[in-house]
N, C-alpha and C. Protein backbone atom coordinates (compact mmCIF):
# COMPACT_ATOMS: atom_id res chain seq x y z
N UNK A 1 0.81 -1.19 0.01
CA UNK A 1 0.01 0.03 -0.02
C UNK A 1 0.86 1.27 -0.04
N UNK A 2 1.98 1.19 -0.62
CA UNK A 2 2.85 2.35 -0.70
C UNK A 2 2.20 3.51 -1.42
N UNK A 3 1.29 3.19 -2.38
CA UNK A 3 0.64 4.28 -3.13
C UNK A 3 -0.45 4.97 -2.27
N UNK A 4 -0.86 4.31 -1.23
CA UNK A 4 -1.89 4.91 -0.40
C UNK A 4 -1.32 6.07 0.41
N UNK A 5 -1.91 7.20 0.27
CA UNK A 5 -1.47 8.38 0.98
C UNK A 5 -2.42 8.63 2.14
N UNK A 6 -2.08 8.06 3.25
CA UNK A 6 -2.93 8.14 4.45
C UNK A 6 -2.78 9.46 5.17
N UNK A 7 -3.89 9.97 5.61
CA UNK A 7 -3.91 11.17 6.42
C UNK A 7 -4.30 10.74 7.79
N UNK A 8 -3.42 10.82 8.72
CA UNK A 8 -3.73 10.39 10.08
C UNK A 8 -3.71 11.64 11.01
N UNK A 9 -4.37 11.51 12.11
CA UNK A 9 -4.35 12.61 13.05
C UNK A 9 -4.02 12.09 14.44
N UNK A 10 -3.46 12.96 15.27
CA UNK A 10 -3.10 12.61 16.60
C UNK A 10 -4.33 12.65 17.50
N UNK A 11 -4.65 11.56 18.10
CA UNK A 11 -5.80 11.53 19.02
C UNK A 11 -5.43 12.12 20.34
N UNK A 12 -6.05 13.21 20.67
CA UNK A 12 -5.73 13.88 21.93
C UNK A 12 -6.00 13.04 23.18
N UNK A 13 -7.07 12.23 23.12
CA UNK A 13 -7.40 11.43 24.30
C UNK A 13 -6.55 10.20 24.41
N UNK A 14 -6.22 9.56 23.33
CA UNK A 14 -5.45 8.31 23.39
C UNK A 14 -3.95 8.56 23.19
N UNK A 15 -3.60 9.69 22.55
CA UNK A 15 -2.20 9.99 22.36
C UNK A 15 -1.56 9.05 21.32
N UNK A 16 -2.30 8.55 20.37
CA UNK A 16 -1.78 7.66 19.34
C UNK A 16 -2.31 8.03 17.98
N UNK A 17 -1.65 7.56 16.92
CA UNK A 17 -2.11 7.83 15.56
C UNK A 17 -3.25 6.94 15.20
N UNK A 18 -4.32 7.49 14.62
CA UNK A 18 -5.43 6.74 14.15
C UNK A 18 -5.84 7.24 12.77
N UNK A 19 -6.55 6.41 12.03
CA UNK A 19 -7.05 6.78 10.74
C UNK A 19 -8.51 7.27 10.84
N UNK A 20 -8.80 8.24 9.99
CA UNK A 20 -10.17 8.74 9.91
C UNK A 20 -10.99 7.68 9.16
N UNK A 21 -12.32 7.83 9.23
CA UNK A 21 -13.19 6.89 8.51
C UNK A 21 -12.92 7.04 7.00
N UNK A 22 -12.72 8.24 6.51
CA UNK A 22 -12.47 8.44 5.10
C UNK A 22 -11.20 7.75 4.68
N UNK A 23 -10.18 7.77 5.51
CA UNK A 23 -8.92 7.10 5.23
C UNK A 23 -9.14 5.58 5.16
N UNK A 24 -9.93 5.06 6.08
CA UNK A 24 -10.25 3.63 6.07
C UNK A 24 -10.97 3.21 4.80
N UNK A 25 -11.96 4.03 4.40
CA UNK A 25 -12.69 3.70 3.16
C UNK A 25 -11.77 3.77 1.97
N UNK A 26 -10.90 4.75 1.92
CA UNK A 26 -9.91 4.83 0.77
C UNK A 26 -9.02 3.63 0.76
N UNK A 27 -8.54 3.19 1.91
CA UNK A 27 -7.69 2.00 1.96
C UNK A 27 -8.44 0.78 1.49
N UNK A 28 -9.66 0.56 1.95
CA UNK A 28 -10.45 -0.61 1.56
C UNK A 28 -10.83 -0.55 0.09
N UNK A 29 -11.05 0.65 -0.44
CA UNK A 29 -11.40 0.83 -1.84
C UNK A 29 -10.22 0.38 -2.71
N UNK A 30 -9.04 0.76 -2.32
CA UNK A 30 -7.85 0.40 -3.10
C UNK A 30 -7.64 -1.11 -3.04
N UNK A 31 -7.89 -1.73 -1.87
CA UNK A 31 -7.74 -3.17 -1.74
C UNK A 31 -8.83 -3.91 -2.55
N UNK A 32 -10.05 -3.40 -2.53
CA UNK A 32 -11.13 -3.95 -3.30
C UNK A 32 -10.80 -3.93 -4.78
N UNK A 33 -10.34 -2.77 -5.30
CA UNK A 33 -10.01 -2.63 -6.70
C UNK A 33 -8.89 -3.60 -7.11
N UNK A 34 -7.94 -3.81 -6.21
CA UNK A 34 -6.84 -4.71 -6.51
C UNK A 34 -7.33 -6.17 -6.59
N UNK A 35 -8.37 -6.49 -5.88
CA UNK A 35 -8.89 -7.88 -5.88
C UNK A 35 -10.03 -8.08 -6.86
N UNK A 36 -10.49 -7.03 -7.53
CA UNK A 36 -11.62 -7.07 -8.41
C UNK A 36 -11.47 -8.11 -9.54
N UNK A 37 -10.34 -8.20 -10.22
CA UNK A 37 -10.20 -9.18 -11.30
C UNK A 37 -10.53 -10.62 -10.84
N UNK A 38 -10.09 -10.94 -9.64
CA UNK A 38 -10.37 -12.29 -9.10
C UNK A 38 -11.86 -12.46 -8.77
N UNK A 39 -12.47 -11.42 -8.20
CA UNK A 39 -13.89 -11.47 -7.80
C UNK A 39 -14.77 -11.62 -9.09
N UNK A 40 -14.37 -10.98 -10.16
CA UNK A 40 -15.14 -11.00 -11.40
C UNK A 40 -15.31 -12.43 -11.96
N UNK A 41 -14.38 -13.27 -11.67
CA UNK A 41 -14.39 -14.68 -12.21
C UNK A 41 -15.62 -15.44 -11.67
N UNK A 42 -15.99 -15.22 -10.45
CA UNK A 42 -17.08 -16.05 -9.88
C UNK A 42 -18.27 -15.22 -9.36
N UNK A 43 -18.08 -13.94 -9.21
CA UNK A 43 -19.12 -13.16 -8.48
C UNK A 43 -19.62 -11.92 -9.29
N UNK A 44 -19.42 -11.92 -10.59
CA UNK A 44 -19.81 -10.81 -11.41
C UNK A 44 -21.30 -10.45 -11.19
N UNK A 45 -21.59 -9.17 -11.04
CA UNK A 45 -22.93 -8.72 -10.87
C UNK A 45 -23.47 -8.66 -9.46
N UNK A 46 -22.74 -9.29 -8.53
CA UNK A 46 -23.17 -9.24 -7.13
C UNK A 46 -22.66 -8.00 -6.47
N UNK A 47 -23.21 -7.73 -5.31
CA UNK A 47 -22.74 -6.60 -4.47
C UNK A 47 -21.99 -7.19 -3.27
N UNK A 48 -20.93 -6.51 -2.82
CA UNK A 48 -20.15 -7.04 -1.71
C UNK A 48 -20.02 -6.01 -0.62
N UNK A 49 -19.81 -6.52 0.57
CA UNK A 49 -19.41 -5.69 1.74
C UNK A 49 -17.92 -6.10 1.90
N UNK A 50 -17.04 -5.11 1.84
CA UNK A 50 -15.61 -5.37 1.83
C UNK A 50 -14.99 -4.64 3.01
N UNK A 51 -14.23 -5.35 3.87
CA UNK A 51 -13.63 -4.76 5.04
C UNK A 51 -12.46 -5.60 5.46
N UNK A 52 -11.39 -4.97 5.97
CA UNK A 52 -10.23 -5.70 6.41
C UNK A 52 -9.51 -6.42 5.30
N UNK A 53 -9.63 -5.87 4.07
CA UNK A 53 -8.92 -6.46 2.97
C UNK A 53 -9.57 -7.68 2.38
N UNK A 54 -10.84 -7.96 2.76
CA UNK A 54 -11.52 -9.12 2.25
C UNK A 54 -13.02 -8.92 2.13
N UNK A 55 -13.67 -9.74 1.32
CA UNK A 55 -15.12 -9.69 1.14
C UNK A 55 -15.72 -10.29 2.43
N UNK A 56 -16.60 -9.55 3.06
CA UNK A 56 -17.29 -10.05 4.25
C UNK A 56 -18.60 -10.73 3.87
N UNK A 57 -19.25 -10.27 2.80
CA UNK A 57 -20.51 -10.91 2.40
C UNK A 57 -20.82 -10.51 0.97
N UNK A 58 -21.63 -11.37 0.29
CA UNK A 58 -22.16 -11.13 -1.06
C UNK A 58 -23.65 -10.91 -0.98
N UNK A 59 -24.16 -10.01 -1.87
CA UNK A 59 -25.58 -9.69 -1.87
C UNK A 59 -26.12 -9.51 -3.28
N UNK A 60 -27.43 -9.68 -3.47
CA UNK A 60 -28.01 -9.51 -4.79
C UNK A 60 -28.17 -8.07 -5.25
N UNK A 61 -28.19 -7.15 -4.27
CA UNK A 61 -28.35 -5.69 -4.60
C UNK A 61 -27.70 -4.80 -3.58
N UNK A 62 -27.65 -3.56 -3.92
CA UNK A 62 -26.97 -2.55 -3.06
C UNK A 62 -27.66 -2.42 -1.72
N UNK A 63 -28.99 -2.40 -1.74
CA UNK A 63 -29.72 -2.18 -0.48
C UNK A 63 -29.46 -3.31 0.53
N UNK A 64 -29.45 -4.55 0.04
CA UNK A 64 -29.17 -5.70 0.91
C UNK A 64 -27.75 -5.61 1.49
N UNK A 65 -26.78 -5.20 0.65
CA UNK A 65 -25.39 -5.05 1.08
C UNK A 65 -25.29 -3.97 2.17
N UNK A 66 -25.96 -2.84 1.91
CA UNK A 66 -25.91 -1.72 2.87
C UNK A 66 -26.53 -2.14 4.19
N UNK A 67 -27.71 -2.73 4.14
CA UNK A 67 -28.38 -3.15 5.38
C UNK A 67 -27.54 -4.13 6.17
N UNK A 68 -26.88 -5.05 5.50
CA UNK A 68 -26.02 -5.97 6.19
C UNK A 68 -24.79 -5.32 6.79
N UNK A 69 -24.16 -4.38 6.06
CA UNK A 69 -22.97 -3.69 6.52
C UNK A 69 -23.31 -2.84 7.81
N UNK A 70 -24.39 -2.16 7.78
CA UNK A 70 -24.77 -1.36 8.96
C UNK A 70 -25.04 -2.27 10.13
N UNK A 71 -25.73 -3.33 9.92
CA UNK A 71 -26.08 -4.24 11.01
C UNK A 71 -24.84 -4.93 11.58
N UNK A 72 -23.94 -5.40 10.71
CA UNK A 72 -22.77 -6.13 11.16
C UNK A 72 -21.65 -5.25 11.71
N UNK A 73 -21.40 -4.09 11.08
CA UNK A 73 -20.24 -3.29 11.40
C UNK A 73 -20.51 -1.94 11.98
N UNK A 74 -21.72 -1.40 11.81
CA UNK A 74 -21.99 -0.07 12.36
C UNK A 74 -21.34 1.05 11.56
N UNK A 75 -21.57 2.28 11.95
CA UNK A 75 -20.99 3.43 11.26
C UNK A 75 -19.53 3.61 11.60
N UNK A 76 -18.84 4.25 10.67
CA UNK A 76 -17.45 4.70 10.92
C UNK A 76 -16.42 3.58 10.96
N UNK A 77 -16.75 2.40 10.42
CA UNK A 77 -15.78 1.32 10.44
C UNK A 77 -14.95 1.19 9.18
N UNK A 78 -15.33 1.96 8.13
CA UNK A 78 -14.52 1.96 6.91
C UNK A 78 -14.83 0.89 5.90
N UNK A 79 -15.99 0.28 6.02
CA UNK A 79 -16.31 -0.77 5.03
C UNK A 79 -16.66 -0.14 3.70
N UNK A 80 -16.57 -0.94 2.65
CA UNK A 80 -16.88 -0.51 1.31
C UNK A 80 -18.02 -1.38 0.79
N UNK A 81 -19.02 -0.80 0.22
CA UNK A 81 -20.12 -1.52 -0.45
C UNK A 81 -19.93 -1.23 -1.93
N UNK A 82 -19.76 -2.31 -2.73
CA UNK A 82 -19.45 -2.13 -4.13
C UNK A 82 -20.04 -3.24 -5.01
N UNK A 83 -20.31 -2.91 -6.22
CA UNK A 83 -20.73 -3.94 -7.18
C UNK A 83 -19.50 -4.62 -7.75
N UNK A 84 -19.64 -5.91 -8.03
CA UNK A 84 -18.56 -6.61 -8.71
C UNK A 84 -18.81 -6.51 -10.20
N UNK A 85 -18.35 -5.45 -10.76
CA UNK A 85 -18.49 -5.19 -12.17
C UNK A 85 -17.16 -4.62 -12.72
N UNK A 86 -16.98 -4.83 -13.98
CA UNK A 86 -15.75 -4.29 -14.60
C UNK A 86 -15.97 -2.82 -14.86
N UNK A 87 -15.00 -2.01 -14.46
CA UNK A 87 -15.09 -0.58 -14.65
C UNK A 87 -13.89 -0.07 -15.45
N UNK A 88 -14.11 0.97 -16.17
CA UNK A 88 -13.00 1.64 -16.92
C UNK A 88 -13.08 3.13 -16.58
N UNK A 89 -12.02 3.64 -16.02
CA UNK A 89 -12.01 5.09 -15.71
C UNK A 89 -12.18 5.95 -16.98
N UNK A 90 -12.92 7.02 -16.88
CA UNK A 90 -13.10 7.94 -17.98
C UNK A 90 -12.53 9.30 -17.54
N UNK A 91 -11.42 9.69 -18.12
CA UNK A 91 -10.84 10.97 -17.73
C UNK A 91 -11.75 12.15 -18.16
N UNK A 92 -11.99 13.04 -17.22
CA UNK A 92 -12.79 14.22 -17.49
C UNK A 92 -11.98 15.46 -17.09
N UNK A 93 -11.92 16.41 -17.96
CA UNK A 93 -11.18 17.63 -17.60
C UNK A 93 -12.06 18.52 -16.71
N UNK A 94 -11.45 19.39 -16.00
CA UNK A 94 -12.16 20.36 -15.16
C UNK A 94 -13.16 21.20 -16.02
N UNK A 95 -12.75 21.51 -17.20
CA UNK A 95 -13.61 22.33 -18.07
C UNK A 95 -14.96 21.63 -18.35
N UNK A 96 -14.86 20.31 -18.59
CA UNK A 96 -16.09 19.57 -18.90
C UNK A 96 -16.91 19.45 -17.63
N UNK A 97 -16.24 19.16 -16.49
CA UNK A 97 -16.97 19.03 -15.24
C UNK A 97 -17.76 20.23 -14.86
N UNK A 98 -17.20 21.40 -15.13
CA UNK A 98 -17.81 22.67 -14.72
C UNK A 98 -18.54 23.34 -15.88
N UNK A 99 -18.73 22.67 -16.96
CA UNK A 99 -19.50 23.24 -18.08
C UNK A 99 -18.86 24.40 -18.75
N UNK A 100 -17.53 24.43 -18.81
CA UNK A 100 -16.84 25.57 -19.35
C UNK A 100 -16.48 25.38 -20.82
N UNK A 101 -16.94 24.32 -21.42
CA UNK A 101 -16.64 24.07 -22.83
C UNK A 101 -17.71 24.74 -23.69
N UNK A 102 -17.31 25.11 -24.87
CA UNK A 102 -18.22 25.82 -25.80
C UNK A 102 -18.40 24.93 -27.06
N UNK A 103 -19.64 24.87 -27.57
CA UNK A 103 -19.90 24.12 -28.75
C UNK A 103 -19.53 24.90 -29.98
């Protein structure tokens, strides 16, 4: 995870470094994406709850995955809910995003 740029903060009460929820989600997202090619072989089209570097559960839809994640792990634990589908990034310039292009 050398590519992962973690932002940690010093916990005043505990006096130790901890990760924010956003940092945990970013970490799990990167791990999920790394494992996606393997998941696509047998689980294409399903939804997963991903935490701790592994799939915790498979679901038929996003709502079922979300309900399970909240019940099992609660808020702020950094889980990722994602579909097992092949994705291709589409680069978009700032001009397109903000409608600054002219026809």
